[in-house]
């Protein structure tokens, strides 16, 4: 049973790692780590160092374009996965752990929200259709229609519709994006 949550990410603009423990963000990443994994702080700092040394925001939607070294981008994404696995083992089943691969990949959230005409969100928040010129006109039309259906006070979209839409967005965006469905 999950009783606690730990989220670790590197803020793309600040180029600094933050740990978020049970929805509390600290001023420094190591202050937010549970005591039993405080020894991970140097490793997390080295991981964030890849962003400090090899990344500068070039495009707010396509974050992965900001890497000056593809090898550093891949190392960042791989270490995010390794950190997540190791933190899960160290913390045990009582903890849900999420180590974000962003900005190594651009995480796109597909979610309905009140009065939102466009359902794709990034690390900054809501986006607009014009931010996604790489998507086909047909997919953009489907996304706009889904945004209306997926508003929290409406009945949920038919079974399978959201999953197919997320799959199609992922296919058109490619591997440097990760599409997450948020309900």
C-alpha atoms as a PDB file:
ATOM      1  CA  UNK A   1       0.000   0.000   0.000  1.00  0.00           C
ATOM      2  CA  UNK A   2       1.331   3.438  -0.991  1.00  0.00           C
ATOM      3  CA  UNK A   3       1.363   5.922   1.869  1.00  0.00           C
ATOM      4  CA  UNK A   4       3.928   8.429   0.614  1.00  0.00           C
ATOM      5  CA  UNK A   5       4.985  10.004  -2.653  1.00  0.00           C
ATOM      6  CA  UNK A   6       8.385  11.238  -3.801  1.00  0.00           C
ATOM      7  CA  UNK A   7       8.835  13.152  -7.060  1.00  0.00           C
ATOM      8  CA  UNK A   8      12.261  14.205  -8.241  1.00  0.00           C
ATOM      9  CA  UNK A   9      12.786  16.463 -11.223  1.00  0.00           C
ATOM     10  CA  UNK A  10      15.153  19.020 -12.673  1.00  0.00           C
ATOM     11  CA  UNK A  11      13.522  22.357 -13.343  1.00  0.00           C
ATOM     12  CA  UNK A  12      14.494  23.206 -16.954  1.00  0.00           C
ATOM     13  CA  UNK A  13      14.963  26.932 -16.312  1.00  0.00           C
ATOM     14  CA  UNK A  14      16.656  26.763 -12.917  1.00  0.00           C
ATOM     15  CA  UNK A  15      18.717  23.702 -13.891  1.00  0.00           C
ATOM     16  CA  UNK A  16      18.458  22.455 -10.346  1.00  0.00           C
ATOM     17  CA  UNK A  17      17.005  19.254  -8.952  1.00  0.00           C
ATOM     18  CA  UNK A  18      14.042  19.370  -6.626  1.00  0.00           C
ATOM     19  CA  UNK A  19      12.499  16.611  -4.574  1.00  0.00           C
ATOM     20  CA  UNK A  20       8.823  16.866  -3.844  1.00  0.00           C
ATOM     21  CA  UNK A  21       7.736  14.817  -0.891  1.00  0.00           C
ATOM     22  CA  UNK A  22       4.026  14.534  -0.258  1.00  0.00           C
ATOM     23  CA  UNK A  23       3.323  17.745  -2.218  1.00  0.00           C
ATOM     24  CA  UNK A  24       5.835  19.850  -0.321  1.00  0.00           C
ATOM     25  CA  UNK A  25       8.565  21.468  -2.405  1.00  0.00           C
ATOM     26  CA  UNK A  26      11.712  22.420  -0.589  1.00  0.00           C
ATOM     27  CA  UNK A  27      14.195  25.162  -1.295  1.00  0.00           C
ATOM     28  CA  UNK A  28      16.886  22.554  -1.912  1.00  0.00           C
ATOM     29  CA  UNK A  29      16.581  19.075  -3.343  1.00  0.00           C
ATOM     30  CA  UNK A  30      18.248  17.249  -0.478  1.00  0.00           C
ATOM     31  CA  UNK A  31      15.923  18.794   2.121  1.00  0.00           C
ATOM     32  CA  UNK A  32      13.030  17.100   0.344  1.00  0.00           C
ATOM     33  CA  UNK A  33      14.502  13.613   0.327  1.00  0.00           C
ATOM     34  CA  UNK A  34      13.257  11.159   2.934  1.00  0.00           C
ATOM     35  CA  UNK A  35      15.962  10.469   5.516  1.00  0.00           C
ATOM     36  CA  UNK A  36      16.436   6.848   4.446  1.00  0.00           C
ATOM     37  CA  UNK A  37      17.560   7.971   0.941  1.00  0.00           C
ATOM     38  CA  UNK A  38      19.436  11.167   1.853  1.00  0.00           C
ATOM     39  CA  UNK A  39      22.592   9.422   0.620  1.00  0.00           C
ATOM     40  CA  UNK A  40      21.215   9.747  -2.923  1.00  0.00           C
ATOM     41  CA  UNK A  41      21.760  13.541  -2.820  1.00  0.00           C
ATOM     42  CA  UNK A  42      25.213  13.527  -4.528  1.00  0.00           C
ATOM     43  CA  UNK A  43      23.928  11.196  -7.241  1.00  0.00           C
ATOM     44  CA  UNK A  44      20.889  13.400  -7.862  1.00  0.00           C
ATOM     45  CA  UNK A  45      23.150  16.453  -7.990  1.00  0.00           C
ATOM     46  CA  UNK A  46      25.378  14.775 -10.590  1.00  0.00           C
ATOM     47  CA  UNK A  47      22.252  13.905 -12.608  1.00  0.00           C
ATOM     48  CA  UNK A  48      21.088  17.536 -12.457  1.00  0.00           C
ATOM     49  CA  UNK A  49      24.629  18.545 -13.428  1.00  0.00           C
ATOM     50  CA  UNK A  50      24.048  17.063 -16.870  1.00  0.00           C
ATOM     51  CA  UNK A  51      21.349  19.703 -17.370  1.00  0.00           C
ATOM     52  CA  UNK A  52      23.532  22.506 -15.990  1.00  0.00           C
ATOM     53  CA  UNK A  53      26.395  21.554 -18.305  1.00  0.00           C
ATOM     54  CA  UNK A  54      24.653  20.434 -21.496  1.00  0.00           C
ATOM     55  CA  UNK A  55      21.188  22.011 -21.692  1.00  0.00           C
ATOM     56  CA  UNK A  56      19.670  25.406 -22.470  1.00  0.00           C
ATOM     57  CA  UNK A  57      16.020  25.963 -23.297  1.00  0.00           C
ATOM     58  CA  UNK A  58      15.665  26.338 -27.044  1.00  0.00           C
ATOM     59  CA  UNK A  59      11.964  25.532 -27.435  1.00  0.00           C
ATOM     60  CA  UNK A  60       9.365  25.469 -24.649  1.00  0.00           C
ATOM     61  CA  UNK A  61       7.368  22.667 -26.274  1.00  0.00           C
ATOM     62  CA  UNK A  62      10.186  20.546 -27.665  1.00  0.00           C
ATOM     63  CA  UNK A  63      12.471  20.627 -24.616  1.00  0.00           C
ATOM     64  CA  UNK A  64      14.732  17.853 -25.881  1.00  0.00           C
ATOM     65  CA  UNK A  65      16.004  20.248 -28.579  1.00  0.00           C
ATOM     66  CA  UNK A  66      17.888  22.176 -25.888  1.00  0.00           C
ATOM     67  CA  UNK A  67      20.577  19.535 -25.422  1.00  0.00           C
ATOM     68  CA  UNK A  68      23.978  20.425 -26.842  1.00  0.00           C
ATOM     69  CA  UNK A  69      25.017  16.773 -26.589  1.00  0.00           C
ATOM     70  CA  UNK A  70      22.822  13.840 -27.572  1.00  0.00           C
ATOM     71  CA  UNK A  71      24.998  11.554 -25.431  1.00  0.00           C
ATOM     72  CA  UNK A  72      24.312  13.763 -22.380  1.00  0.00           C
ATOM     73  CA  UNK A  73      20.563  13.736 -23.138  1.00  0.00           C
ATOM     74  CA  UNK A  74      20.530   9.948 -23.327  1.00  0.00           C
ATOM     75  CA  UNK A  75      22.631   9.669 -20.148  1.00  0.00           C
ATOM     76  CA  UNK A  76      20.162  11.979 -18.369  1.00  0.00           C
ATOM     77  CA  UNK A  77      17.131   9.913 -19.426  1.00  0.00           C
ATOM     78  CA  UNK A  78      18.865   6.628 -18.532  1.00  0.00           C
ATOM     79  CA  UNK A  79      19.929   7.918 -15.104  1.00  0.00           C
ATOM     80  CA  UNK A  80      16.369   9.137 -14.408  1.00  0.00           C
ATOM     81  CA  UNK A  81      15.170   5.576 -14.951  1.00  0.00           C
ATOM     82  CA  UNK A  82      17.985   4.114 -12.835  1.00  0.00           C
ATOM     83  CA  UNK A  83      17.402   6.608 -10.019  1.00  0.00           C
ATOM     84  CA  UNK A  84      13.700   5.821 -10.004  1.00  0.00           C
ATOM     85  CA  UNK A  85      14.365   2.081  -9.753  1.00  0.00           C
ATOM     86  CA  UNK A  86      16.988   2.462  -7.024  1.00  0.00           C
ATOM     87  CA  UNK A  87      14.869   4.902  -4.984  1.00  0.00           C
ATOM     88  CA  UNK A  88      11.891   2.520  -5.200  1.00  0.00           C
ATOM     89  CA  UNK A  89      14.005  -0.338  -3.873  1.00  0.00           C
ATOM     90  CA  UNK A  90      15.486   1.805  -1.088  1.00  0.00           C
ATOM     91  CA  UNK A  91      12.124   3.250   0.013  1.00  0.00           C
ATOM     92  CA  UNK A  92       9.995   0.132  -0.316  1.00  0.00           C
ATOM     93  CA  UNK A  93       6.344  -0.411  -1.183  1.00  0.00           C
ATOM     94  CA  UNK A  94       5.020   2.355   1.040  1.00  0.00           C
ATOM     95  CA  UNK A  95       6.406   4.931  -1.395  1.00  0.00           C
ATOM     96  CA  UNK A  96       5.376   5.907  -4.911  1.00  0.00           C
ATOM     97  CA  UNK A  97       8.472   7.269  -6.668  1.00  0.00           C
ATOM     98  CA  UNK A  98       8.598   9.306  -9.863  1.00  0.00           C
ATOM     99  CA  UNK A  99      11.882  10.602 -11.263  1.00  0.00           C
ATOM    100  CA  UNK A 100      11.111  12.755 -14.279  1.00  0.00           C
ATOM    101  CA  UNK A 101      13.116  12.228 -17.481  1.00  0.00           C
ATOM    102  CA  UNK A 102      12.298  15.824 -18.455  1.00  0.00           C
ATOM    103  CA  UNK A 103      14.031  17.757 -20.052  1.00  0.00           C
ATOM    104  CA  UNK A 104      15.738  14.692 -21.546  1.00  0.00           C
ATOM    105  CA  UNK A 105      12.396  14.042 -23.179  1.00  0.00           C
ATOM    106  CA  UNK A 106       9.423  16.373 -23.343  1.00  0.00           C
ATOM    107  CA  UNK A 107       6.614  15.107 -21.145  1.00  0.00           C
ATOM    108  CA  UNK A 108       3.216  15.938 -22.615  1.00  0.00           C
ATOM    109  CA  UNK A 109       0.117  15.527 -20.485  1.00  0.00           C
ATOM    110  CA  UNK A 110      -3.173  14.748 -22.179  1.00  0.00           C
ATOM    111  CA  UNK A 111      -5.867  15.956 -19.818  1.00  0.00           C
ATOM    112  CA  UNK A 112      -9.230  17.630 -19.781  1.00  0.00           C
ATOM    113  CA  UNK A 113      -9.649  20.786 -17.744  1.00  0.00           C
ATOM    114  CA  UNK A 114     -12.470  23.242 -17.172  1.00  0.00           C
ATOM    115  CA  UNK A 115     -12.836  25.753 -20.022  1.00  0.00           C
ATOM    116  CA  UNK A 116      -9.734  24.485 -21.801  1.00  0.00           C
ATOM    117  CA  UNK A 117     -10.084  24.176 -25.559  1.00  0.00           C
ATOM    118  CA  UNK A 118      -6.802  22.297 -25.950  1.00  0.00           C
ATOM    119  CA  UNK A 119      -5.849  19.207 -23.902  1.00  0.00           C
ATOM    120  CA  UNK A 120      -2.037  19.081 -24.192  1.00  0.00           C
ATOM    121  CA  UNK A 121      -0.049  20.409 -21.257  1.00  0.00           C
ATOM    122  CA  UNK A 122       3.694  20.675 -20.698  1.00  0.00           C
ATOM    123  CA  UNK A 123       5.917  21.538 -17.728  1.00  0.00           C
ATOM    124  CA  UNK A 124       4.819  25.181 -17.893  1.00  0.00           C
ATOM    125  CA  UNK A 125       1.098  24.420 -17.985  1.00  0.00           C
ATOM    126  CA  UNK A 126      -1.526  24.611 -20.698  1.00  0.00           C
ATOM    127  CA  UNK A 127      -0.562  24.980 -24.342  1.00  0.00           C
ATOM    128  CA  UNK A 128      -2.499  25.865 -27.486  1.00  0.00           C
ATOM    129  CA  UNK A 129      -3.053  24.128 -30.786  1.00  0.00           C
ATOM    130  CA  UNK A 130      -0.633  26.562 -32.434  1.00  0.00           C
ATOM    131  CA  UNK A 131       2.174  25.214 -30.222  1.00  0.00           C
ATOM    132  CA  UNK A 132       1.974  21.816 -31.920  1.00  0.00           C
ATOM    133  CA  UNK A 133       2.555  22.374 -35.666  1.00  0.00           C
ATOM    134  CA  UNK A 134       4.111  18.909 -35.937  1.00  0.00           C
ATOM    135  CA  UNK A 135       0.689  17.292 -35.365  1.00  0.00           C
ATOM    136  CA  UNK A 136      -1.554  16.517 -38.311  1.00  0.00           C
ATOM    137  CA  UNK A 137      -4.700  18.581 -38.847  1.00  0.00           C
ATOM    138  CA  UNK A 138      -6.838  15.473 -38.267  1.00  0.00           C
ATOM    139  CA  UNK A 139      -5.206  14.731 -34.915  1.00  0.00           C
ATOM    140  CA  UNK A 140      -5.502  18.388 -33.859  1.00  0.00           C
ATOM    141  CA  UNK A 141      -9.230  18.237 -34.660  1.00  0.00           C
ATOM    142  CA  UNK A 142      -9.623  15.056 -32.586  1.00  0.00           C
ATOM    143  CA  UNK A 143      -7.716  16.624 -29.686  1.00  0.00           C
ATOM    144  CA  UNK A 144      -9.950  19.699 -29.713  1.00  0.00           C
ATOM    145  CA  UNK A 145     -13.081  17.543 -29.718  1.00  0.00           C
ATOM    146  CA  UNK A 146     -11.687  15.364 -26.915  1.00  0.00           C
ATOM    147  CA  UNK A 147     -10.905  18.456 -24.794  1.00  0.00           C
ATOM    148  CA  UNK A 148     -14.608  19.294 -24.684  1.00  0.00           C
ATOM    149  CA  UNK A 149     -15.612  15.704 -23.861  1.00  0.00           C
ATOM    150  CA  UNK A 150     -12.957  15.337 -21.178  1.00  0.00           C
ATOM    151  CA  UNK A 151     -13.896  18.353 -19.053  1.00  0.00           C
ATOM    152  CA  UNK A 152     -14.210  17.181 -15.438  1.00  0.00           C
ATOM    153  CA  UNK A 153     -17.951  17.847 -15.196  1.00  0.00           C
ATOM    154  CA  UNK A 154     -18.795  15.891 -18.374  1.00  0.00           C
ATOM    155  CA  UNK A 155     -19.278  12.169 -18.758  1.00  0.00           C
ATOM    156  CA  UNK A 156     -15.898  10.585 -19.570  1.00  0.00           C
ATOM    157  CA  UNK A 157     -15.065   9.825 -23.217  1.00  0.00           C
ATOM    158  CA  UNK A 158     -16.073   6.374 -24.469  1.00  0.00           C
ATOM    159  CA  UNK A 159     -13.862   3.448 -23.459  1.00  0.00           C
ATOM    160  CA  UNK A 160     -10.645   3.304 -25.457  1.00  0.00           C
ATOM    161  CA  UNK A 161     -10.983   6.778 -27.005  1.00  0.00           C
ATOM    162  CA  UNK A 162      -8.488   8.435 -24.674  1.00  0.00           C
ATOM    163  CA  UNK A 163      -5.959   5.611 -24.986  1.00  0.00           C
ATOM    164  CA  UNK A 164      -6.153   5.649 -28.808  1.00  0.00           C
ATOM    165  CA  UNK A 165      -5.759   9.415 -28.831  1.00  0.00           C
ATOM    166  CA  UNK A 166      -2.715   9.275 -26.542  1.00  0.00           C
ATOM    167  CA  UNK A 167      -1.203   6.547 -28.741  1.00  0.00           C
ATOM    168  CA  UNK A 168      -1.739   8.636 -31.878  1.00  0.00           C
ATOM    169  CA  UNK A 169      -0.225  11.739 -30.253  1.00  0.00           C
ATOM    170  CA  UNK A 170       2.809   9.682 -29.172  1.00  0.00           C
ATOM    171  CA  UNK A 171       3.198   8.242 -32.677  1.00  0.00           C
ATOM    172  CA  UNK A 172       3.119  11.669 -34.337  1.00  0.00           C
ATOM    173  CA  UNK A 173       5.406  13.346 -31.795  1.00  0.00           C
ATOM    174  CA  UNK A 174       8.054  10.624 -31.782  1.00  0.00           C
ATOM    175  CA  UNK A 175      10.437   9.194 -29.182  1.00  0.00           C
ATOM    176  CA  UNK A 176      11.712  12.469 -27.726  1.00  0.00           C
ATOM    177  CA  UNK A 177       8.265  13.005 -26.230  1.00  0.00           C
ATOM    178  CA  UNK A 178       6.444  10.995 -23.579  1.00  0.00           C
ATOM    179  CA  UNK A 179       2.645  11.250 -23.527  1.00  0.00           C
ATOM    180  CA  UNK A 180       0.943  10.804 -20.149  1.00  0.00           C
ATOM    181  CA  UNK A 181      -2.810  10.624 -19.666  1.00  0.00           C
ATOM    182  CA  UNK A 182      -4.101  12.524 -16.645  1.00  0.00           C
ATOM    183  CA  UNK A 183      -7.683  12.081 -15.587  1.00  0.00           C
END
